[in-house]
């Protein structure tokens, strides 16, 4: 009988805990611990060993919670008003949305030892002019991973034509409909803030036509299609191609000559956090050269600071991209939603059907 009561008590405890998390989003079981931080982030951006090292050195416990998209982060932040979280890592456009909702604290740059080491080309962009609310953490660039062996005796034009002009080979295409529409629109019309109905129809036609030479739509396994030589060209972000490039000598990464797109991931402190001093300690730890080297080796994202590049064992191609010039950056663009999302979903259904 005693065991039954104990088991019943355990079941009731977990049911209560799960119910509280689901139906009372402002409640956080870890919030009362003054020497802890609740971090809401992507699942592939913070290495456990870096976090464990911080905990050991400071005695501050870090609780990691994960999201799979900026949209999930934005919905959660709006639902909770940011309460219960002490550090988040939104992409560029998400920073703008969260700042407009007054969900972010203004950054005290005097707390950051590394601020003067940040690549100035990553600062003062549209989503947060003067970086009042965001600290560039890592970034990546979209381009084509290629099989050099396949192109050994062929003319290789570093252009979006490799993806959107009918080729003699199969490709791996990104699986994000917003990005697919954005890239196709860029290929047809150059950089735009929006597509008119005629342009949107042309983009749809191009993406439907492209389907015949797409081996797979994939965001996370592009390196696999290069490694197996199933596709001599894949469209992907640099971080995924880097993982293949570091292992396979026949893989290369090229940036389209017409221009391309970048994503900047940022460190931000939610407005409701009462632990910004602890958050600044973690931020400074993440930006130490040792931490940067671990993250770069594990995930391949470009670091936002330049003071640790000598520790990364970069190839000339990698260093050239990370140290992109002002002229290069003029050809890099940020993600924008060119038509209503419902229209994008309708296009994608037609592409995939």
C-alpha atoms as a PDB file:
ATOM      1  CA  UNK A   1       0.000   0.000   0.000  1.00  0.00           C
ATOM      2  CA  UNK A   2       2.856   2.393   0.831  1.00  0.00           C
ATOM      3  CA  UNK A   3       4.403   1.841  -2.624  1.00  0.00           C
ATOM      4  CA  UNK A   4       1.044   2.630  -4.237  1.00  0.00           C
ATOM      5  CA  UNK A   5       0.842   5.964  -2.389  1.00  0.00           C
ATOM      6  CA  UNK A   6       4.446   6.834  -3.348  1.00  0.00           C
ATOM      7  CA  UNK A   7       3.869   5.979  -7.009  1.00  0.00           C
ATOM      8  CA  UNK A   8       0.597   7.900  -7.028  1.00  0.00           C
ATOM      9  CA  UNK A   9       2.358  10.904  -5.534  1.00  0.00           C
ATOM     10  CA  UNK A  10       5.057  10.805  -8.196  1.00  0.00           C
ATOM     11  CA  UNK A  11       2.453  10.587 -10.976  1.00  0.00           C
ATOM     12  CA  UNK A  12       0.478  13.515  -9.539  1.00  0.00           C
ATOM     13  CA  UNK A  13       3.690  15.585  -9.256  1.00  0.00           C
ATOM     14  CA  UNK A  14       4.618  15.092 -12.923  1.00  0.00           C
ATOM     15  CA  UNK A  15       1.053  15.687 -14.126  1.00  0.00           C
ATOM     16  CA  UNK A  16       0.993  18.943 -12.144  1.00  0.00           C
ATOM     17  CA  UNK A  17       4.387  19.982 -13.510  1.00  0.00           C
ATOM     18  CA  UNK A  18       3.432  19.280 -17.140  1.00  0.00           C
ATOM     19  CA  UNK A  19       0.043  20.997 -16.702  1.00  0.00           C
ATOM     20  CA  UNK A  20       1.733  24.060 -15.200  1.00  0.00           C
ATOM     21  CA  UNK A  21       4.249  24.373 -18.039  1.00  0.00           C
ATOM     22  CA  UNK A  22       1.567  23.987 -20.708  1.00  0.00           C
ATOM     23  CA  UNK A  23      -1.125  26.182 -19.209  1.00  0.00           C
ATOM     24  CA  UNK A  24       0.849  28.702 -17.186  1.00  0.00           C
ATOM     25  CA  UNK A  25       3.640  29.764 -19.583  1.00  0.00           C
ATOM     26  CA  UNK A  26       4.820  32.556 -17.282  1.00  0.00           C
ATOM     27  CA  UNK A  27       5.700  30.029 -14.606  1.00  0.00           C
ATOM     28  CA  UNK A  28       9.201  28.575 -14.692  1.00  0.00           C
ATOM     29  CA  UNK A  29      10.360  25.988 -12.119  1.00  0.00           C
ATOM     30  CA  UNK A  30      13.952  27.297 -12.272  1.00  0.00           C
ATOM     31  CA  UNK A  31      13.155  30.990 -12.009  1.00  0.00           C
ATOM     32  CA  UNK A  32      13.564  31.206  -8.263  1.00  0.00           C
ATOM     33  CA  UNK A  33      17.225  30.156  -8.357  1.00  0.00           C
ATOM     34  CA  UNK A  34      19.207  33.395  -8.201  1.00  0.00           C
ATOM     35  CA  UNK A  35      22.378  31.701  -9.512  1.00  0.00           C
ATOM     36  CA  UNK A  36      20.848  30.251 -12.648  1.00  0.00           C
ATOM     37  CA  UNK A  37      20.065  31.352 -16.198  1.00  0.00           C
ATOM     38  CA  UNK A  38      17.305  30.223 -18.517  1.00  0.00           C
ATOM     39  CA  UNK A  39      18.483  30.288 -22.130  1.00  0.00           C
ATOM     40  CA  UNK A  40      16.124  29.882 -25.096  1.00  0.00           C
ATOM     41  CA  UNK A  41      18.079  29.016 -28.255  1.00  0.00           C
ATOM     42  CA  UNK A  42      18.494  26.938 -31.388  1.00  0.00           C
ATOM     43  CA  UNK A  43      19.381  23.298 -30.785  1.00  0.00           C
ATOM     44  CA  UNK A  44      22.575  23.458 -32.859  1.00  0.00           C
ATOM     45  CA  UNK A  45      24.238  26.658 -31.672  1.00  0.00           C
ATOM     46  CA  UNK A  46      25.597  26.149 -28.126  1.00  0.00           C
ATOM     47  CA  UNK A  47      28.031  23.336 -27.357  1.00  0.00           C
ATOM     48  CA  UNK A  48      27.430  21.538 -24.054  1.00  0.00           C
ATOM     49  CA  UNK A  49      31.118  21.581 -23.132  1.00  0.00           C
ATOM     50  CA  UNK A  50      31.201  25.395 -23.371  1.00  0.00           C
ATOM     51  CA  UNK A  51      28.174  25.674 -21.099  1.00  0.00           C
ATOM     52  CA  UNK A  52      29.600  23.141 -18.637  1.00  0.00           C
ATOM     53  CA  UNK A  53      32.867  25.087 -18.486  1.00  0.00           C
ATOM     54  CA  UNK A  54      30.941  28.273 -17.683  1.00  0.00           C
ATOM     55  CA  UNK A  55      28.978  26.534 -14.931  1.00  0.00           C
ATOM     56  CA  UNK A  56      32.141  25.131 -13.372  1.00  0.00           C
ATOM     57  CA  UNK A  57      33.947  28.488 -13.415  1.00  0.00           C
ATOM     58  CA  UNK A  58      31.069  30.634 -12.141  1.00  0.00           C
ATOM     59  CA  UNK A  59      28.773  28.344 -10.188  1.00  0.00           C
ATOM     60  CA  UNK A  60      25.891  29.654 -12.324  1.00  0.00           C
ATOM     61  CA  UNK A  61      23.564  26.909 -13.535  1.00  0.00           C
ATOM     62  CA  UNK A  62      22.425  27.228 -17.169  1.00  0.00           C
ATOM     63  CA  UNK A  63      19.098  25.705 -18.226  1.00  0.00           C
ATOM     64  CA  UNK A  64      18.846  25.352 -22.011  1.00  0.00           C
ATOM     65  CA  UNK A  65      15.459  25.376 -23.745  1.00  0.00           C
ATOM     66  CA  UNK A  66      15.261  24.898 -27.503  1.00  0.00           C
ATOM     67  CA  UNK A  67      13.179  26.181 -30.404  1.00  0.00           C
ATOM     68  CA  UNK A  68      13.277  25.068 -34.033  1.00  0.00           C
ATOM     69  CA  UNK A  69      12.352  28.339 -35.767  1.00  0.00           C
ATOM     70  CA  UNK A  70      12.318  32.066 -35.193  1.00  0.00           C
ATOM     71  CA  UNK A  71       8.542  31.948 -35.447  1.00  0.00           C
ATOM     72  CA  UNK A  72       8.392  29.541 -32.496  1.00  0.00           C
ATOM     73  CA  UNK A  73      10.649  31.867 -30.493  1.00  0.00           C
ATOM     74  CA  UNK A  74       8.525  34.920 -31.336  1.00  0.00           C
ATOM     75  CA  UNK A  75       5.251  33.190 -30.392  1.00  0.00           C
ATOM     76  CA  UNK A  76       6.697  32.000 -27.074  1.00  0.00           C
ATOM     77  CA  UNK A  77       8.142  35.422 -26.240  1.00  0.00           C
ATOM     78  CA  UNK A  78       4.841  37.136 -26.982  1.00  0.00           C
ATOM     79  CA  UNK A  79       2.872  34.592 -24.947  1.00  0.00           C
ATOM     80  CA  UNK A  80       5.111  34.950 -21.892  1.00  0.00           C
ATOM     81  CA  UNK A  81       6.059  38.617 -22.429  1.00  0.00           C
ATOM     82  CA  UNK A  82       9.597  37.232 -22.194  1.00  0.00           C
ATOM     83  CA  UNK A  83       9.208  36.316 -18.540  1.00  0.00           C
ATOM     84  CA  UNK A  84      11.176  33.266 -17.456  1.00  0.00           C
ATOM     85  CA  UNK A  85      14.034  33.690 -19.948  1.00  0.00           C
ATOM     86  CA  UNK A  86      17.360  35.443 -19.435  1.00  0.00           C
ATOM     87  CA  UNK A  87      19.064  35.030 -22.819  1.00  0.00           C
ATOM     88  CA  UNK A  88      17.752  34.289 -26.307  1.00  0.00           C
ATOM     89  CA  UNK A  89      19.420  33.920 -29.725  1.00  0.00           C
ATOM     90  CA  UNK A  90      17.110  35.266 -32.466  1.00  0.00           C
ATOM     91  CA  UNK A  91      18.019  35.754 -36.112  1.00  0.00           C
ATOM     92  CA  UNK A  92      18.205  39.241 -37.571  1.00  0.00           C
ATOM     93  CA  UNK A  93      14.590  39.859 -38.628  1.00  0.00           C
ATOM     94  CA  UNK A  94      13.267  38.308 -35.401  1.00  0.00           C
ATOM     95  CA  UNK A  95      15.221  40.896 -33.379  1.00  0.00           C
ATOM     96  CA  UNK A  96      13.291  43.659 -35.123  1.00  0.00           C
ATOM     97  CA  UNK A  97       9.934  42.028 -34.305  1.00  0.00           C
ATOM     98  CA  UNK A  98      10.820  41.430 -30.652  1.00  0.00           C
ATOM     99  CA  UNK A  99      12.193  44.954 -30.208  1.00  0.00           C
ATOM    100  CA  UNK A 100       9.014  46.486 -31.640  1.00  0.00           C
ATOM    101  CA  UNK A 101       7.037  44.479 -29.081  1.00  0.00           C
ATOM    102  CA  UNK A 102       9.243  45.938 -26.280  1.00  0.00           C
ATOM    103  CA  UNK A 103      10.380  42.434 -25.336  1.00  0.00           C
ATOM    104  CA  UNK A 104      14.136  43.127 -25.262  1.00  0.00           C
ATOM    105  CA  UNK A 105      16.401  44.983 -22.843  1.00  0.00           C
ATOM    106  CA  UNK A 106      18.771  47.605 -24.162  1.00  0.00           C
ATOM    107  CA  UNK A 107      22.322  46.261 -24.251  1.00  0.00           C
ATOM    108  CA  UNK A 108      24.885  47.804 -21.904  1.00  0.00           C
ATOM    109  CA  UNK A 109      27.949  47.586 -24.131  1.00  0.00           C
ATOM    110  CA  UNK A 110      30.273  48.583 -21.265  1.00  0.00           C
ATOM    111  CA  UNK A 111      29.640  45.096 -19.836  1.00  0.00           C
ATOM    112  CA  UNK A 112      31.121  43.412 -22.913  1.00  0.00           C
ATOM    113  CA  UNK A 113      34.895  42.918 -23.145  1.00  0.00           C
ATOM    114  CA  UNK A 114      34.736  41.980 -26.842  1.00  0.00           C
ATOM    115  CA  UNK A 115      32.596  44.761 -28.305  1.00  0.00           C
ATOM    116  CA  UNK A 116      35.480  46.483 -30.076  1.00  0.00           C
ATOM    117  CA  UNK A 117      36.451  43.158 -31.680  1.00  0.00           C
ATOM    118  CA  UNK A 118      33.106  42.646 -33.458  1.00  0.00           C
ATOM    119  CA  UNK A 119      33.328  42.769 -37.231  1.00  0.00           C
ATOM    120  CA  UNK A 120      31.915  46.262 -37.942  1.00  0.00           C
ATOM    121  CA  UNK A 121      30.199  44.946 -41.078  1.00  0.00           C
ATOM    122  CA  UNK A 122      27.843  42.950 -38.826  1.00  0.00           C
ATOM    123  CA  UNK A 123      26.680  46.038 -36.907  1.00  0.00           C
ATOM    124  CA  UNK A 124      24.019  48.698 -37.525  1.00  0.00           C
ATOM    125  CA  UNK A 125      21.737  46.771 -39.844  1.00  0.00           C
ATOM    126  CA  UNK A 126      18.062  47.438 -40.528  1.00  0.00           C
ATOM    127  CA  UNK A 127      16.760  45.122 -37.816  1.00  0.00           C
ATOM    128  CA  UNK A 128      18.529  46.981 -34.982  1.00  0.00           C
ATOM    129  CA  UNK A 129      20.241  50.236 -35.919  1.00  0.00           C
ATOM    130  CA  UNK A 130      23.105  51.035 -33.501  1.00  0.00           C
ATOM    131  CA  UNK A 131      22.549  47.562 -31.967  1.00  0.00           C
ATOM    132  CA  UNK A 132      20.539  48.847 -29.048  1.00  0.00           C
ATOM    133  CA  UNK A 133      19.057  45.400 -28.344  1.00  0.00           C
ATOM    134  CA  UNK A 134      21.260  42.806 -30.034  1.00  0.00           C
ATOM    135  CA  UNK A 135      24.824  41.497 -30.038  1.00  0.00           C
ATOM    136  CA  UNK A 136      25.965  39.722 -33.222  1.00  0.00           C
ATOM    137  CA  UNK A 137      26.999  36.210 -32.176  1.00  0.00           C
ATOM    138  CA  UNK A 138      27.459  34.103 -35.305  1.00  0.00           C
ATOM    139  CA  UNK A 139      26.569  34.360 -38.967  1.00  0.00           C
ATOM    140  CA  UNK A 140      26.419  32.319 -42.136  1.00  0.00           C
ATOM    141  CA  UNK A 141      26.101  32.868 -45.853  1.00  0.00           C
ATOM    142  CA  UNK A 142      24.064  31.019 -48.486  1.00  0.00           C
ATOM    143  CA  UNK A 143      25.848  29.554 -51.451  1.00  0.00           C
ATOM    144  CA  UNK A 144      26.458  26.380 -53.423  1.00  0.00           C
ATOM    145  CA  UNK A 145      28.364  23.375 -52.268  1.00  0.00           C
ATOM    146  CA  UNK A 146      29.901  21.706 -55.298  1.00  0.00           C
ATOM    147  CA  UNK A 147      31.633  18.483 -56.209  1.00  0.00           C
ATOM    148  CA  UNK A 148      34.948  19.633 -57.733  1.00  0.00           C
ATOM    149  CA  UNK A 149      35.514  16.247 -59.359  1.00  0.00           C
ATOM    150  CA  UNK A 150      32.305  16.581 -61.368  1.00  0.00           C
ATOM    151  CA  UNK A 151      33.295  20.017 -62.669  1.00  0.00           C
ATOM    152  CA  UNK A 152      36.957  19.129 -63.264  1.00  0.00           C
ATOM    153  CA  UNK A 153      36.602  19.231 -67.068  1.00  0.00           C
ATOM    154  CA  UNK A 154      33.626  21.590 -67.220  1.00  0.00           C
ATOM    155  CA  UNK A 155      33.261  25.352 -67.148  1.00  0.00           C
ATOM    156  CA  UNK A 156      31.995  26.314 -63.709  1.00  0.00           C
ATOM    157  CA  UNK A 157      30.068  29.589 -63.682  1.00  0.00           C
ATOM    158  CA  UNK A 158      29.626  30.683 -60.018  1.00  0.00           C
ATOM    159  CA  UNK A 159      26.069  31.811 -60.580  1.00  0.00           C
ATOM    160  CA  UNK A 160      22.491  31.162 -59.467  1.00  0.00           C
ATOM    161  CA  UNK A 161      22.185  29.485 -62.864  1.00  0.00           C
ATOM    162  CA  UNK A 162      23.663  26.388 -61.198  1.00  0.00           C
ATOM    163  CA  UNK A 163      20.406  26.111 -59.254  1.00  0.00           C
ATOM    164  CA  UNK A 164      17.750  27.712 -61.441  1.00  0.00           C
ATOM    165  CA  UNK A 165      18.847  27.077 -65.043  1.00  0.00           C
ATOM    166  CA  UNK A 166      18.041  23.560 -66.293  1.00  0.00           C
ATOM    167  CA  UNK A 167      21.267  21.629 -65.614  1.00  0.00           C
ATOM    168  CA  UNK A 168      22.512  18.249 -66.718  1.00  0.00           C
ATOM    169  CA  UNK A 169      22.561  17.038 -63.137  1.00  0.00           C
ATOM    170  CA  UNK A 170      20.413  16.744 -60.039  1.00  0.00           C
ATOM    171  CA  UNK A 171      20.626  19.278 -57.215  1.00  0.00           C
ATOM    172  CA  UNK A 172      19.668  19.492 -53.559  1.00  0.00           C
ATOM    173  CA  UNK A 173      17.374  22.476 -52.964  1.00  0.00           C
ATOM    174  CA  UNK A 174      16.557  24.145 -49.664  1.00  0.00           C
ATOM    175  CA  UNK A 175      13.294  23.037 -48.059  1.00  0.00           C
ATOM    176  CA  UNK A 176      12.191  26.396 -46.639  1.00  0.00           C
ATOM    177  CA  UNK A 177       9.392  27.912 -48.774  1.00  0.00           C
ATOM    178  CA  UNK A 178      10.080  31.505 -47.679  1.00  0.00           C
ATOM    179  CA  UNK A 179      13.729  31.173 -48.687  1.00  0.00           C
ATOM    180  CA  UNK A 180      12.876  29.300 -51.900  1.00  0.00           C
ATOM    181  CA  UNK A 181      10.573  32.124 -53.022  1.00  0.00           C
ATOM    182  CA  UNK A 182      13.149  34.707 -51.928  1.00  0.00           C
ATOM    183  CA  UNK A 183      16.019  33.091 -53.840  1.00  0.00           C
ATOM    184  CA  UNK A 184      13.944  32.462 -56.957  1.00  0.00           C
ATOM    185  CA  UNK A 185      12.755  36.067 -56.866  1.00  0.00           C
ATOM    186  CA  UNK A 186      16.337  37.258 -56.549  1.00  0.00           C
ATOM    187  CA  UNK A 187      17.397  35.111 -59.497  1.00  0.00           C
ATOM    188  CA  UNK A 188      14.668  36.563 -61.701  1.00  0.00           C
ATOM    189  CA  UNK A 189      14.542  40.184 -60.557  1.00  0.00           C
ATOM    190  CA  UNK A 190      17.444  40.965 -58.245  1.00  0.00           C
ATOM    191  CA  UNK A 191      16.948  42.302 -54.701  1.00  0.00           C
ATOM    192  CA  UNK A 192      13.312  43.222 -53.998  1.00  0.00           C
ATOM    193  CA  UNK A 193      11.203  44.181 -50.985  1.00  0.00           C
ATOM    194  CA  UNK A 194       8.085  42.577 -52.462  1.00  0.00           C
ATOM    195  CA  UNK A 195       6.797  40.689 -55.497  1.00  0.00           C
ATOM    196  CA  UNK A 196       3.893  41.987 -57.545  1.00  0.00           C
ATOM    197  CA  UNK A 197       1.318  39.443 -58.834  1.00  0.00           C
ATOM    198  CA  UNK A 198       3.055  38.976 -62.199  1.00  0.00           C
ATOM    199  CA  UNK A 199       6.443  38.450 -60.531  1.00  0.00           C
ATOM    200  CA  UNK A 200       4.948  36.048 -57.972  1.00  0.00           C
ATOM    201  CA  UNK A 201       3.459  33.970 -60.776  1.00  0.00           C
ATOM    202  CA  UNK A 202       6.841  33.844 -62.540  1.00  0.00           C
ATOM    203  CA  UNK A 203       8.534  32.715 -59.311  1.00  0.00           C
ATOM    204  CA  UNK A 204       5.978  29.948 -58.883  1.00  0.00           C
ATOM    205  CA  UNK A 205       6.484  28.816 -62.474  1.00  0.00           C
ATOM    206  CA  UNK A 206      10.257  28.706 -61.990  1.00  0.00           C
ATOM    207  CA  UNK A 207      10.046  26.683 -58.767  1.00  0.00           C
ATOM    208  CA  UNK A 208       7.592  24.212 -60.310  1.00  0.00           C
ATOM    209  CA  UNK A 209       9.877  23.832 -63.345  1.00  0.00           C
ATOM    210  CA  UNK A 210      12.903  23.385 -61.088  1.00  0.00           C
ATOM    211  CA  UNK A 211      11.292  20.391 -59.399  1.00  0.00           C
ATOM    212  CA  UNK A 212      12.262  18.145 -62.337  1.00  0.00           C
ATOM    213  CA  UNK A 213      15.975  18.497 -61.549  1.00  0.00           C
ATOM    214  CA  UNK A 214      15.730  18.476 -57.736  1.00  0.00           C
ATOM    215  CA  UNK A 215      16.981  15.256 -56.185  1.00  0.00           C
ATOM    216  CA  UNK A 216      15.859  16.325 -52.712  1.00  0.00           C
ATOM    217  CA  UNK A 217      14.557  19.291 -50.760  1.00  0.00           C
ATOM    218  CA  UNK A 218      16.665  19.480 -47.631  1.00  0.00           C
ATOM    219  CA  UNK A 219      17.893  22.017 -45.085  1.00  0.00           C
ATOM    220  CA  UNK A 220      19.934  19.781 -42.794  1.00  0.00           C
ATOM    221  CA  UNK A 221      21.414  16.963 -44.902  1.00  0.00           C
ATOM    222  CA  UNK A 222      22.974  18.864 -47.780  1.00  0.00           C
ATOM    223  CA  UNK A 223      26.454  17.656 -46.848  1.00  0.00           C
ATOM    224  CA  UNK A 224      25.177  14.080 -47.233  1.00  0.00           C
ATOM    225  CA  UNK A 225      24.213  14.657 -50.894  1.00  0.00           C
ATOM    226  CA  UNK A 226      27.696  15.990 -51.583  1.00  0.00           C
ATOM    227  CA  UNK A 227      29.471  13.225 -49.685  1.00  0.00           C
ATOM    228  CA  UNK A 228      27.562  10.471 -51.520  1.00  0.00           C
ATOM    229  CA  UNK A 229      28.002  12.300 -54.850  1.00  0.00           C
ATOM    230  CA  UNK A 230      24.254  12.070 -55.458  1.00  0.00           C
ATOM    231  CA  UNK A 231      24.250  15.787 -56.299  1.00  0.00           C
ATOM    232  CA  UNK A 232      27.206  17.736 -57.703  1.00  0.00           C
ATOM    233  CA  UNK A 233      25.517  20.997 -56.622  1.00  0.00           C
ATOM    234  CA  UNK A 234      23.594  21.731 -53.426  1.00  0.00           C
ATOM    235  CA  UNK A 235      22.113  24.999 -52.223  1.00  0.00           C
ATOM    236  CA  UNK A 236      22.710  25.507 -48.530  1.00  0.00           C
ATOM    237  CA  UNK A 237      24.053  27.733 -45.805  1.00  0.00           C
ATOM    238  CA  UNK A 238      27.799  27.769 -45.296  1.00  0.00           C
ATOM    239  CA  UNK A 239      27.707  26.026 -41.917  1.00  0.00           C
ATOM    240  CA  UNK A 240      26.425  22.762 -43.429  1.00  0.00           C
ATOM    241  CA  UNK A 241      28.816  22.838 -46.381  1.00  0.00           C
ATOM    242  CA  UNK A 242      31.719  23.509 -44.005  1.00  0.00           C
ATOM    243  CA  UNK A 243      31.093  20.176 -42.305  1.00  0.00           C
ATOM    244  CA  UNK A 244      31.536  18.378 -45.628  1.00  0.00           C
ATOM    245  CA  UNK A 245      34.362  20.616 -46.821  1.00  0.00           C
ATOM    246  CA  UNK A 246      36.458  19.821 -43.751  1.00  0.00           C
ATOM    247  CA  UNK A 247      36.148  16.079 -44.390  1.00  0.00           C
ATOM    248  CA  UNK A 248      36.071  15.739 -48.175  1.00  0.00           C
ATOM    249  CA  UNK A 249      38.771  17.168 -50.425  1.00  0.00           C
ATOM    250  CA  UNK A 250      36.494  17.124 -53.500  1.00  0.00           C
ATOM    251  CA  UNK A 251      33.988  19.568 -51.949  1.00  0.00           C
ATOM    252  CA  UNK A 252      34.104  23.333 -52.404  1.00  0.00           C
ATOM    253  CA  UNK A 253      31.825  26.243 -51.500  1.00  0.00           C
ATOM    254  CA  UNK A 254      31.060  29.083 -53.893  1.00  0.00           C
ATOM    255  CA  UNK A 255      29.146  32.338 -53.496  1.00  0.00           C
ATOM    256  CA  UNK A 256      26.994  33.367 -56.480  1.00  0.00           C
ATOM    257  CA  UNK A 257      28.553  36.242 -58.385  1.00  0.00           C
ATOM    258  CA  UNK A 258      25.197  38.075 -58.533  1.00  0.00           C
ATOM    259  CA  UNK A 259      25.021  38.241 -54.745  1.00  0.00           C
ATOM    260  CA  UNK A 260      23.497  36.120 -52.012  1.00  0.00           C
ATOM    261  CA  UNK A 261      21.905  36.124 -48.560  1.00  0.00           C
ATOM    262  CA  UNK A 262      23.218  36.026 -45.010  1.00  0.00           C
ATOM    263  CA  UNK A 263      21.766  35.323 -41.600  1.00  0.00           C
ATOM    264  CA  UNK A 264      23.083  36.868 -38.374  1.00  0.00           C
ATOM    265  CA  UNK A 265      22.272  35.149 -35.077  1.00  0.00           C
ATOM    266  CA  UNK A 266      22.173  37.544 -32.131  1.00  0.00           C
ATOM    267  CA  UNK A 267      22.415  37.423 -28.349  1.00  0.00           C
ATOM    268  CA  UNK A 268      19.561  39.319 -26.685  1.00  0.00           C
ATOM    269  CA  UNK A 269      18.348  39.742 -23.100  1.00  0.00           C
ATOM    270  CA  UNK A 270      14.556  39.634 -22.625  1.00  0.00           C
ATOM    271  CA  UNK A 271      13.030  42.714 -21.020  1.00  0.00           C
ATOM    272  CA  UNK A 272      11.508  40.728 -18.128  1.00  0.00           C
ATOM    273  CA  UNK A 273      14.798  39.106 -17.097  1.00  0.00           C
ATOM    274  CA  UNK A 274      16.040  40.101 -13.651  1.00  0.00           C
ATOM    275  CA  UNK A 275      19.421  38.448 -14.152  1.00  0.00           C
ATOM    276  CA  UNK A 276      21.108  40.585 -16.769  1.00  0.00           C
ATOM    277  CA  UNK A 277      24.362  40.684 -14.802  1.00  0.00           C
ATOM    278  CA  UNK A 278      24.548  36.887 -14.907  1.00  0.00           C
ATOM    279  CA  UNK A 279      23.561  36.976 -18.582  1.00  0.00           C
ATOM    280  CA  UNK A 280      26.471  39.316 -19.357  1.00  0.00           C
ATOM    281  CA  UNK A 281      28.829  36.829 -17.678  1.00  0.00           C
ATOM    282  CA  UNK A 282      27.578  34.056 -19.943  1.00  0.00           C
ATOM    283  CA  UNK A 283      27.746  36.287 -23.043  1.00  0.00           C
ATOM    284  CA  UNK A 284      31.364  37.194 -22.298  1.00  0.00           C
ATOM    285  CA  UNK A 285      32.170  33.515 -21.796  1.00  0.00           C
ATOM    286  CA  UNK A 286      30.596  32.592 -25.142  1.00  0.00           C
ATOM    287  CA  UNK A 287      32.709  35.248 -26.885  1.00  0.00           C
ATOM    288  CA  UNK A 288      36.065  34.122 -25.470  1.00  0.00           C
ATOM    289  CA  UNK A 289      38.432  32.815 -28.177  1.00  0.00           C
ATOM    290  CA  UNK A 290      38.386  29.321 -26.668  1.00  0.00           C
ATOM    291  CA  UNK A 291      34.575  29.145 -26.812  1.00  0.00           C
ATOM    292  CA  UNK A 292      34.485  30.572 -30.319  1.00  0.00           C
ATOM    293  CA  UNK A 293      36.958  27.940 -31.534  1.00  0.00           C
ATOM    294  CA  UNK A 294      34.875  25.102 -30.065  1.00  0.00           C
ATOM    295  CA  UNK A 295      31.648  26.395 -31.597  1.00  0.00           C
ATOM    296  CA  UNK A 296      33.215  26.980 -35.001  1.00  0.00           C
ATOM    297  CA  UNK A 297      34.735  23.504 -35.109  1.00  0.00           C
ATOM    298  CA  UNK A 298      31.456  21.891 -34.027  1.00  0.00           C
ATOM    299  CA  UNK A 299      28.865  23.878 -36.006  1.00  0.00           C
ATOM    300  CA  UNK A 300      30.706  25.850 -38.682  1.00  0.00           C
ATOM    301  CA  UNK A 301      28.991  29.203 -38.088  1.00  0.00           C
ATOM    302  CA  UNK A 302      31.212  32.212 -38.741  1.00  0.00           C
ATOM    303  CA  UNK A 303      32.118  34.057 -35.512  1.00  0.00           C
ATOM    304  CA  UNK A 304      31.079  37.700 -35.252  1.00  0.00           C
ATOM    305  CA  UNK A 305      34.385  38.776 -33.720  1.00  0.00           C
ATOM    306  CA  UNK A 306      37.764  38.942 -35.436  1.00  0.00           C
ATOM    307  CA  UNK A 307      39.974  38.519 -32.368  1.00  0.00           C
ATOM    308  CA  UNK A 308      39.842  34.720 -32.379  1.00  0.00           C
ATOM    309  CA  UNK A 309      40.378  33.933 -36.060  1.00  0.00           C
ATOM    310  CA  UNK A 310      44.015  32.933 -35.552  1.00  0.00           C
ATOM    311  CA  UNK A 311      42.836  30.071 -33.321  1.00  0.00           C
ATOM    312  CA  UNK A 312      40.451  28.564 -35.878  1.00  0.00           C
ATOM    313  CA  UNK A 313      42.922  26.985 -38.339  1.00  0.00           C
ATOM    314  CA  UNK A 314      41.104  28.507 -41.305  1.00  0.00           C
ATOM    315  CA  UNK A 315      41.719  27.687 -44.929  1.00  0.00           C
ATOM    316  CA  UNK A 316      42.347  30.681 -47.226  1.00  0.00           C
ATOM    317  CA  UNK A 317      38.799  30.310 -48.612  1.00  0.00           C
ATOM    318  CA  UNK A 318      37.249  30.281 -45.152  1.00  0.00           C
ATOM    319  CA  UNK A 319      39.231  33.296 -43.995  1.00  0.00           C
ATOM    320  CA  UNK A 320      38.332  35.180 -47.167  1.00  0.00           C
ATOM    321  CA  UNK A 321      34.627  34.681 -46.526  1.00  0.00           C
ATOM    322  CA  UNK A 322      34.769  35.517 -42.822  1.00  0.00           C
ATOM    323  CA  UNK A 323      36.751  38.659 -43.609  1.00  0.00           C
ATOM    324  CA  UNK A 324      34.385  39.663 -46.422  1.00  0.00           C
ATOM    325  CA  UNK A 325      35.036  43.221 -47.561  1.00  0.00           C
ATOM    326  CA  UNK A 326      32.671  46.170 -47.553  1.00  0.00           C
ATOM    327  CA  UNK A 327      32.190  45.639 -51.279  1.00  0.00           C
ATOM    328  CA  UNK A 328      31.318  41.986 -50.671  1.00  0.00           C
ATOM    329  CA  UNK A 329      28.732  42.934 -48.064  1.00  0.00           C
ATOM    330  CA  UNK A 330      26.998  45.223 -50.526  1.00  0.00           C
ATOM    331  CA  UNK A 331      26.041  42.040 -52.390  1.00  0.00           C
ATOM    332  CA  UNK A 332      24.802  40.226 -49.269  1.00  0.00           C
ATOM    333  CA  UNK A 333      21.112  40.548 -48.442  1.00  0.00           C
ATOM    334  CA  UNK A 334      18.860  39.609 -45.538  1.00  0.00           C
ATOM    335  CA  UNK A 335      15.821  37.332 -45.559  1.00  0.00           C
ATOM    336  CA  UNK A 336      12.553  39.063 -46.367  1.00  0.00           C
ATOM    337  CA  UNK A 337       9.025  37.755 -46.885  1.00  0.00           C
ATOM    338  CA  UNK A 338       8.211  38.950 -50.416  1.00  0.00           C
ATOM    339  CA  UNK A 339       4.546  37.901 -50.545  1.00  0.00           C
ATOM    340  CA  UNK A 340       1.976  36.912 -47.870  1.00  0.00           C
ATOM    341  CA  UNK A 341       2.894  33.688 -46.127  1.00  0.00           C
ATOM    342  CA  UNK A 342      -0.368  31.981 -47.130  1.00  0.00           C
ATOM    343  CA  UNK A 343       0.503  32.647 -50.774  1.00  0.00           C
ATOM    344  CA  UNK A 344       3.978  31.207 -50.173  1.00  0.00           C
ATOM    345  CA  UNK A 345       2.450  28.075 -48.650  1.00  0.00           C
ATOM    346  CA  UNK A 346       0.111  27.710 -51.629  1.00  0.00           C
ATOM    347  CA  UNK A 347       3.085  27.952 -54.013  1.00  0.00           C
ATOM    348  CA  UNK A 348       5.006  25.372 -52.019  1.00  0.00           C
ATOM    349  CA  UNK A 349       2.094  22.936 -52.041  1.00  0.00           C
ATOM    350  CA  UNK A 350       1.994  23.193 -55.828  1.00  0.00           C
ATOM    351  CA  UNK A 351       5.779  22.733 -56.059  1.00  0.00           C
ATOM    352  CA  UNK A 352       5.714  19.638 -53.873  1.00  0.00           C
ATOM    353  CA  UNK A 353       2.542  18.062 -55.313  1.00  0.00           C
END
